[in-house]
């Protein structure tokens, strides 16, 4: 899998989790919302590492 493909998959996953987090917050599901926010944070870290990787082929 090339780095562009990995980047787009991580970006899509972040968008999906953000939508789910927003819905959970609106429903008052605080624990679920917190879990989604943690997942988003981890995915954003991954995204940053992929973008700044010295071995990427973009």
Protein backbone atom coordinates (compact mmCIF):
# COMPACT_ATOMS: atom_id res chain seq x y z
CA UNK A 1 0.00 0.00 0.00
CA UNK A 2 1.52 3.33 -0.97
CA UNK A 3 1.66 6.34 1.31
CA UNK A 4 -0.99 8.32 -0.61
CA UNK A 5 -3.44 5.46 -0.16
CA UNK A 6 -2.61 5.20 3.56
CA UNK A 7 -3.04 8.95 3.97
CA UNK A 8 -6.45 8.97 2.32
CA UNK A 9 -7.63 5.97 4.38
CA UNK A 10 -6.59 7.63 7.64
CA UNK A 11 -8.23 10.92 6.58
CA UNK A 12 -11.48 9.10 5.73
CA UNK A 13 -11.44 7.28 9.06
CA UNK A 14 -10.97 10.59 10.90
CA UNK A 15 -13.98 12.06 9.09
CA UNK A 16 -16.13 9.01 9.93
CA UNK A 17 -15.14 9.14 13.59
CA UNK A 18 -15.79 12.90 13.75
CA UNK A 19 -19.31 12.39 12.42
CA UNK A 20 -19.95 9.58 14.93
CA UNK A 21 -18.49 11.65 17.77
CA UNK A 22 -20.75 14.58 16.92
CA UNK A 23 -23.80 12.29 16.89
CA UNK A 24 -22.80 10.69 20.21
CA UNK A 25 -22.34 14.10 21.83
CA UNK A 26 -25.74 15.24 20.57
CA UNK A 27 -27.33 12.13 22.13
CA UNK A 28 -25.58 12.74 25.45
CA UNK A 29 -23.38 9.67 25.12
CA UNK A 30 -20.38 11.18 26.90
CA UNK A 31 -18.28 8.03 27.29
CA UNK A 32 -18.76 7.09 23.65
CA UNK A 33 -17.94 10.66 22.61
CA UNK A 34 -14.74 10.55 24.68
CA UNK A 35 -13.74 7.24 23.09
CA UNK A 36 -14.24 8.66 19.60
CA UNK A 37 -12.21 11.75 20.49
CA UNK A 38 -9.37 9.55 21.72
CA UNK A 39 -9.50 7.52 18.50
CA UNK A 40 -9.46 10.74 16.45
CA UNK A 41 -6.44 11.99 18.36
CA UNK A 42 -4.55 8.75 17.70
CA UNK A 43 -5.48 8.82 14.02
CA UNK A 44 -4.34 12.43 13.71
CA UNK A 45 -0.98 11.45 15.21
CA UNK A 46 -0.72 8.66 12.64
CA UNK A 47 -1.62 11.09 9.88
CA UNK A 48 1.06 13.52 10.98
CA UNK A 49 3.65 10.72 11.04
CA UNK A 50 2.64 9.61 7.56
CA UNK A 51 2.85 13.17 6.24
CA UNK A 52 6.29 13.80 7.72
CA UNK A 53 7.79 10.37 7.10
CA UNK A 54 11.21 10.63 5.45
CA UNK A 55 10.44 7.52 3.36
CA UNK A 56 7.15 8.56 1.87
CA UNK A 57 6.65 8.38 -1.91
CA UNK A 58 4.38 11.33 -2.63
